[in-house]
C-alpha cells in the first residue's frame, strides 16, 4: 500500500548520531506543533515542551544520562513534560504523551531530521527541571534528541504480526 503516513511509520528509525548543522527554528516549532496535535482525553493537551539549543546547556545534560554520546552530537534537545495541573486521568494522560512523542518523531522524520526518544534520562528528571528552572507542576516524560542524521542506514526488525495477535475472532 502506497501511503505517505504508512511510509513514514515504516521508514522512521531512531537516529543517535547527528551532524554539526543546526536545526532551523521553524522545524523545531513544526515538530512541537505536530506533538500538540496528538489526541488526548477530554482534549486536555497535557504536554508541555522545552527547547534546548544552547550548546553549553546541552552539555549540562550529558552527565544526566548514560547516553552521553547522543547528547554530545545533538543540535537540539526537546524535553517533553506532562502538566500535573492539566491531568485528569493518569493512564489516559500518559498515553496521550506517548502519542505526542510519536507525532514528534514522525514529524522530524518527515522534515528529513533524525531524532531519538530518550527515556533512561528520566532518572534525572528533577535535575533537568532544576537546570531549566521549571516548576514542580511539570513531570519529565522524555527527552527527544534532534539533529540532521550523520547516516541513514539504520536497520530494524519487528516480530511477525501473527506472533503479536493474542486473540482473533
Foldseek 3Di string as FASTA:
>chain_A
DDDVVVCLVVQFDAFQAADQDADDPVLVVVLQVLLQPFDAVVSLSFKDKDKDQPLVLLQVLQVLAPSNSSSNRFRIKIWIWGQQVSDDDVVRSLVSNVRSVVSSSSSCVVVQKHKHKAQRSLVCQVVVCVSVVHDPRIRTRTMMGIHHHPDRPDDDDDDPVVVVDPDDD
